[in-house]
């Protein structure tokens, strides 16, 4: 029970410091009834090759360890699987915090593409669709600066119509491409 509690404590620390991490064991250990392994912070490695070399050293008690990634924390699930880590994860980890949050929102919005696609379709962060659409129309000049006060715009309806061409996740807005 002590080893499980220690792993739980390590897991909680990793969650709290937001370090992208995986728990690395091996299939041989798992199949023999052991979950022996270690939490590994991915931000310590420049690329997948460095990471895999470290994992091989971690499990050097096996002749040819078949790595098993038993848990993950603090990075998008599409980069993780039990049998491998997507090599694109290191490009994701190289992003600064703002780009990383924006790219995660892009993917959560159901849009496909890489970070450049996300940057190209990104239109900012807003509290709601109405704020976004108002800013969009104002910035492109579709709302005159001297709009008479007697003209009223149904912003909810306008936002619904314009949002057909945009996607939103976590307050981030993207043009659907």
C-alpha atoms as a PDB file:
ATOM      1  CA  UNK A   1       0.000   0.000   0.000  1.00  0.00           C
ATOM      2  CA  UNK A   2       2.896   2.331   0.686  1.00  0.00           C
ATOM      3  CA  UNK A   3       4.125   2.190  -2.940  1.00  0.00           C
ATOM      4  CA  UNK A   4       0.623   3.016  -4.219  1.00  0.00           C
ATOM      5  CA  UNK A   5       0.346   5.958  -1.858  1.00  0.00           C
ATOM      6  CA  UNK A   6       3.748   7.206  -2.977  1.00  0.00           C
ATOM      7  CA  UNK A   7       2.691   6.985  -6.644  1.00  0.00           C
ATOM      8  CA  UNK A   8      -0.548   8.793  -5.755  1.00  0.00           C
ATOM      9  CA  UNK A   9       1.409  11.548  -4.032  1.00  0.00           C
ATOM     10  CA  UNK A  10       3.703  11.858  -7.046  1.00  0.00           C
ATOM     11  CA  UNK A  11       0.673  12.014  -9.326  1.00  0.00           C
ATOM     12  CA  UNK A  12      -0.863  14.780  -7.234  1.00  0.00           C
ATOM     13  CA  UNK A  13       2.377  16.781  -7.300  1.00  0.00           C
ATOM     14  CA  UNK A  14       2.561  16.454 -11.092  1.00  0.00           C
ATOM     15  CA  UNK A  15      -1.058  17.568 -11.438  1.00  0.00           C
ATOM     16  CA  UNK A  16      -0.386  20.556  -9.205  1.00  0.00           C
ATOM     17  CA  UNK A  17       2.721  21.767 -11.029  1.00  0.00           C
ATOM     18  CA  UNK A  18       1.105  21.329 -14.486  1.00  0.00           C
ATOM     19  CA  UNK A  19       4.127  19.483 -15.858  1.00  0.00           C
ATOM     20  CA  UNK A  20       3.291  17.390 -18.931  1.00  0.00           C
ATOM     21  CA  UNK A  21       4.132  13.897 -17.705  1.00  0.00           C
ATOM     22  CA  UNK A  22       3.609  10.200 -18.343  1.00  0.00           C
ATOM     23  CA  UNK A  23       3.882   7.169 -16.113  1.00  0.00           C
ATOM     24  CA  UNK A  24       6.286   4.783 -17.864  1.00  0.00           C
ATOM     25  CA  UNK A  25       6.295   1.077 -17.106  1.00  0.00           C
ATOM     26  CA  UNK A  26       6.752  -1.926 -19.364  1.00  0.00           C
ATOM     27  CA  UNK A  27       4.432  -4.597 -20.677  1.00  0.00           C
ATOM     28  CA  UNK A  28       6.654  -7.327 -19.218  1.00  0.00           C
ATOM     29  CA  UNK A  29       6.393  -5.872 -15.711  1.00  0.00           C
ATOM     30  CA  UNK A  30       2.653  -5.301 -16.096  1.00  0.00           C
ATOM     31  CA  UNK A  31       2.064  -8.847 -17.365  1.00  0.00           C
ATOM     32  CA  UNK A  32       3.936 -10.223 -14.366  1.00  0.00           C
ATOM     33  CA  UNK A  33       1.668  -8.287 -12.000  1.00  0.00           C
ATOM     34  CA  UNK A  34       3.824  -5.205 -11.378  1.00  0.00           C
ATOM     35  CA  UNK A  35       3.181  -1.568 -12.208  1.00  0.00           C
ATOM     36  CA  UNK A  36       6.797  -0.670 -11.436  1.00  0.00           C
ATOM     37  CA  UNK A  37       7.836   2.401 -13.363  1.00  0.00           C
ATOM     38  CA  UNK A  38       8.117   6.136 -12.861  1.00  0.00           C
ATOM     39  CA  UNK A  39       6.449   9.429 -13.639  1.00  0.00           C
ATOM     40  CA  UNK A  40       8.533  11.204 -16.268  1.00  0.00           C
ATOM     41  CA  UNK A  41       8.273  14.923 -16.998  1.00  0.00           C
ATOM     42  CA  UNK A  42       8.204  15.359 -20.751  1.00  0.00           C
ATOM     43  CA  UNK A  43       9.383  18.960 -20.712  1.00  0.00           C
ATOM     44  CA  UNK A  44      12.867  17.724 -19.743  1.00  0.00           C
ATOM     45  CA  UNK A  45      13.458  16.340 -23.254  1.00  0.00           C
ATOM     46  CA  UNK A  46      14.091  18.187 -26.510  1.00  0.00           C
ATOM     47  CA  UNK A  47      12.608  15.414 -28.626  1.00  0.00           C
ATOM     48  CA  UNK A  48      11.158  11.929 -28.707  1.00  0.00           C
ATOM     49  CA  UNK A  49      14.563  10.237 -29.131  1.00  0.00           C
ATOM     50  CA  UNK A  50      15.902  11.746 -25.889  1.00  0.00           C
ATOM     51  CA  UNK A  51      12.720  10.714 -24.092  1.00  0.00           C
ATOM     52  CA  UNK A  52      12.839   7.125 -25.363  1.00  0.00           C
ATOM     53  CA  UNK A  53      16.538   6.816 -24.482  1.00  0.00           C
ATOM     54  CA  UNK A  54      15.727   7.947 -20.943  1.00  0.00           C
ATOM     55  CA  UNK A  55      12.868   5.428 -20.715  1.00  0.00           C
ATOM     56  CA  UNK A  56      15.145   2.622 -21.923  1.00  0.00           C
ATOM     57  CA  UNK A  57      17.652   3.565 -19.217  1.00  0.00           C
ATOM     58  CA  UNK A  58      14.841   3.675 -16.666  1.00  0.00           C
ATOM     59  CA  UNK A  59      13.986   0.065 -17.521  1.00  0.00           C
ATOM     60  CA  UNK A  60      17.504  -1.228 -18.167  1.00  0.00           C
ATOM     61  CA  UNK A  61      16.699  -4.238 -15.960  1.00  0.00           C
ATOM     62  CA  UNK A  62      14.973  -5.670 -19.063  1.00  0.00           C
ATOM     63  CA  UNK A  63      16.908  -6.718 -22.172  1.00  0.00           C
ATOM     64  CA  UNK A  64      14.555  -5.059 -24.659  1.00  0.00           C
ATOM     65  CA  UNK A  65      11.886  -3.185 -22.690  1.00  0.00           C
ATOM     66  CA  UNK A  66       8.561  -2.747 -24.434  1.00  0.00           C
ATOM     67  CA  UNK A  67       7.448   0.541 -22.932  1.00  0.00           C
ATOM     68  CA  UNK A  68       3.947   0.947 -21.582  1.00  0.00           C
ATOM     69  CA  UNK A  69       2.590   4.424 -20.871  1.00  0.00           C
ATOM     70  CA  UNK A  70       0.130   3.744 -18.091  1.00  0.00           C
ATOM     71  CA  UNK A  71      -1.077   7.268 -17.322  1.00  0.00           C
ATOM     72  CA  UNK A  72      -0.614  10.839 -18.496  1.00  0.00           C
ATOM     73  CA  UNK A  73      -1.096  14.329 -17.094  1.00  0.00           C
ATOM     74  CA  UNK A  74      -1.219  17.908 -18.348  1.00  0.00           C
ATOM     75  CA  UNK A  75      -1.212  17.518 -22.118  1.00  0.00           C
ATOM     76  CA  UNK A  76      -3.954  16.784 -24.672  1.00  0.00           C
ATOM     77  CA  UNK A  77      -5.073  13.168 -24.893  1.00  0.00           C
ATOM     78  CA  UNK A  78      -4.547  12.940 -28.649  1.00  0.00           C
ATOM     79  CA  UNK A  79      -0.788  12.841 -28.030  1.00  0.00           C
ATOM     80  CA  UNK A  80      -1.043   9.873 -25.658  1.00  0.00           C
ATOM     81  CA  UNK A  81      -1.661   6.179 -25.997  1.00  0.00           C
ATOM     82  CA  UNK A  82      -0.746   3.192 -23.859  1.00  0.00           C
ATOM     83  CA  UNK A  83       1.759   2.006 -26.431  1.00  0.00           C
ATOM     84  CA  UNK A  84       3.323   5.276 -27.515  1.00  0.00           C
ATOM     85  CA  UNK A  85       3.580   9.029 -27.404  1.00  0.00           C
ATOM     86  CA  UNK A  86       2.771  10.958 -30.580  1.00  0.00           C
ATOM     87  CA  UNK A  87       6.025  12.518 -31.889  1.00  0.00           C
ATOM     88  CA  UNK A  88       4.135  15.792 -32.536  1.00  0.00           C
ATOM     89  CA  UNK A  89       3.882  16.235 -28.764  1.00  0.00           C
ATOM     90  CA  UNK A  90       7.310  17.860 -28.678  1.00  0.00           C
ATOM     91  CA  UNK A  91       6.171  20.548 -31.127  1.00  0.00           C
ATOM     92  CA  UNK A  92       3.196  21.154 -28.841  1.00  0.00           C
ATOM     93  CA  UNK A  93       5.435  21.326 -25.756  1.00  0.00           C
ATOM     94  CA  UNK A  94       7.717  23.857 -27.484  1.00  0.00           C
ATOM     95  CA  UNK A  95       4.843  26.357 -27.665  1.00  0.00           C
ATOM     96  CA  UNK A  96       4.616  29.131 -25.100  1.00  0.00           C
ATOM     97  CA  UNK A  97       1.704  28.998 -22.648  1.00  0.00           C
ATOM     98  CA  UNK A  98      -0.494  31.373 -24.682  1.00  0.00           C
ATOM     99  CA  UNK A  99      -0.029  29.471 -27.954  1.00  0.00           C
ATOM    100  CA  UNK A 100      -0.514  26.172 -26.161  1.00  0.00           C
ATOM    101  CA  UNK A 101      -3.839  27.314 -24.651  1.00  0.00           C
ATOM    102  CA  UNK A 102      -4.966  28.696 -28.003  1.00  0.00           C
ATOM    103  CA  UNK A 103      -4.013  25.490 -29.838  1.00  0.00           C
ATOM    104  CA  UNK A 104      -5.786  23.331 -27.253  1.00  0.00           C
ATOM    105  CA  UNK A 105      -8.928  25.446 -27.746  1.00  0.00           C
ATOM    106  CA  UNK A 106      -8.565  25.090 -31.530  1.00  0.00           C
ATOM    107  CA  UNK A 107      -8.492  21.320 -31.198  1.00  0.00           C
ATOM    108  CA  UNK A 108     -11.303  21.306 -28.629  1.00  0.00           C
ATOM    109  CA  UNK A 109     -13.413  23.331 -31.070  1.00  0.00           C
ATOM    110  CA  UNK A 110     -13.151  20.319 -33.390  1.00  0.00           C
ATOM    111  CA  UNK A 111     -10.888  21.990 -35.933  1.00  0.00           C
ATOM    112  CA  UNK A 112      -8.131  20.030 -37.627  1.00  0.00           C
ATOM    113  CA  UNK A 113      -4.701  21.372 -38.407  1.00  0.00           C
ATOM    114  CA  UNK A 114      -1.367  22.283 -36.953  1.00  0.00           C
ATOM    115  CA  UNK A 115      -0.359  25.294 -34.884  1.00  0.00           C
ATOM    116  CA  UNK A 116       0.035  27.481 -37.995  1.00  0.00           C
ATOM    117  CA  UNK A 117      -3.514  26.634 -39.092  1.00  0.00           C
ATOM    118  CA  UNK A 118      -4.728  27.557 -35.611  1.00  0.00           C
ATOM    119  CA  UNK A 119      -2.832  30.873 -35.643  1.00  0.00           C
ATOM    120  CA  UNK A 120      -4.207  31.723 -39.093  1.00  0.00           C
ATOM    121  CA  UNK A 121      -7.826  31.113 -38.104  1.00  0.00           C
ATOM    122  CA  UNK A 122      -7.573  32.624 -34.597  1.00  0.00           C
ATOM    123  CA  UNK A 123      -9.701  35.754 -34.076  1.00  0.00           C
ATOM    124  CA  UNK A 124      -9.198  36.446 -30.382  1.00  0.00           C
ATOM    125  CA  UNK A 125     -10.685  35.732 -26.989  1.00  0.00           C
ATOM    126  CA  UNK A 126     -14.101  36.993 -25.983  1.00  0.00           C
ATOM    127  CA  UNK A 127     -16.634  36.451 -23.205  1.00  0.00           C
ATOM    128  CA  UNK A 128     -19.409  35.413 -25.584  1.00  0.00           C
ATOM    129  CA  UNK A 129     -20.506  35.265 -29.220  1.00  0.00           C
ATOM    130  CA  UNK A 130     -22.132  38.715 -29.143  1.00  0.00           C
ATOM    131  CA  UNK A 131     -18.921  40.377 -27.922  1.00  0.00           C
ATOM    132  CA  UNK A 132     -16.969  38.524 -30.608  1.00  0.00           C
ATOM    133  CA  UNK A 133     -19.354  39.455 -33.436  1.00  0.00           C
ATOM    134  CA  UNK A 134     -19.566  43.097 -32.328  1.00  0.00           C
ATOM    135  CA  UNK A 135     -15.755  43.341 -32.308  1.00  0.00           C
ATOM    136  CA  UNK A 136     -15.499  41.533 -35.649  1.00  0.00           C
ATOM    137  CA  UNK A 137     -18.001  43.831 -37.376  1.00  0.00           C
ATOM    138  CA  UNK A 138     -16.573  46.944 -35.775  1.00  0.00           C
ATOM    139  CA  UNK A 139     -12.984  46.067 -36.736  1.00  0.00           C
ATOM    140  CA  UNK A 140     -13.849  45.419 -40.396  1.00  0.00           C
ATOM    141  CA  UNK A 141     -15.838  48.646 -40.661  1.00  0.00           C
ATOM    142  CA  UNK A 142     -19.271  47.071 -41.079  1.00  0.00           C
ATOM    143  CA  UNK A 143     -20.588  49.102 -38.143  1.00  0.00           C
ATOM    144  CA  UNK A 144     -20.175  52.821 -38.832  1.00  0.00           C
ATOM    145  CA  UNK A 145     -18.619  54.825 -35.994  1.00  0.00           C
ATOM    146  CA  UNK A 146     -21.507  57.304 -36.176  1.00  0.00           C
ATOM    147  CA  UNK A 147     -24.324  54.748 -36.085  1.00  0.00           C
ATOM    148  CA  UNK A 148     -27.479  56.670 -35.187  1.00  0.00           C
ATOM    149  CA  UNK A 149     -28.889  55.813 -31.746  1.00  0.00           C
ATOM    150  CA  UNK A 150     -32.317  55.042 -33.202  1.00  0.00           C
ATOM    151  CA  UNK A 151     -30.931  52.035 -35.101  1.00  0.00           C
ATOM    152  CA  UNK A 152     -31.061  48.885 -33.004  1.00  0.00           C
ATOM    153  CA  UNK A 153     -29.293  45.675 -33.896  1.00  0.00           C
ATOM    154  CA  UNK A 154     -30.448  42.273 -32.672  1.00  0.00           C
ATOM    155  CA  UNK A 155     -26.974  41.135 -31.625  1.00  0.00           C
ATOM    156  CA  UNK A 156     -28.026  37.641 -30.574  1.00  0.00           C
ATOM    157  CA  UNK A 157     -29.517  36.929 -34.000  1.00  0.00           C
ATOM    158  CA  UNK A 158     -26.562  38.524 -35.770  1.00  0.00           C
ATOM    159  CA  UNK A 159     -24.153  36.450 -33.665  1.00  0.00           C
ATOM    160  CA  UNK A 160     -26.061  33.230 -34.461  1.00  0.00           C
ATOM    161  CA  UNK A 161     -25.818  33.939 -38.186  1.00  0.00           C
ATOM    162  CA  UNK A 162     -22.147  34.904 -38.188  1.00  0.00           C
ATOM    163  CA  UNK A 163     -21.131  32.043 -35.890  1.00  0.00           C
ATOM    164  CA  UNK A 164     -22.037  29.627 -38.692  1.00  0.00           C
ATOM    165  CA  UNK A 165     -18.582  30.492 -40.091  1.00  0.00           C
ATOM    166  CA  UNK A 166     -16.714  30.422 -36.770  1.00  0.00           C
ATOM    167  CA  UNK A 167     -15.984  28.007 -33.940  1.00  0.00           C
ATOM    168  CA  UNK A 168     -15.417  28.722 -30.266  1.00  0.00           C
ATOM    169  CA  UNK A 169     -13.891  26.838 -27.346  1.00  0.00           C
ATOM    170  CA  UNK A 170     -13.005  28.216 -23.925  1.00  0.00           C
ATOM    171  CA  UNK A 171     -13.567  31.786 -25.151  1.00  0.00           C
ATOM    172  CA  UNK A 172     -11.173  31.408 -28.120  1.00  0.00           C
ATOM    173  CA  UNK A 173     -12.692  32.165 -31.538  1.00  0.00           C
ATOM    174  CA  UNK A 174     -11.586  30.663 -34.859  1.00  0.00           C
ATOM    175  CA  UNK A 175     -12.646  31.020 -38.463  1.00  0.00           C
ATOM    176  CA  UNK A 176     -13.772  27.641 -39.826  1.00  0.00           C
ATOM    177  CA  UNK A 177     -11.466  26.846 -42.715  1.00  0.00           C
END
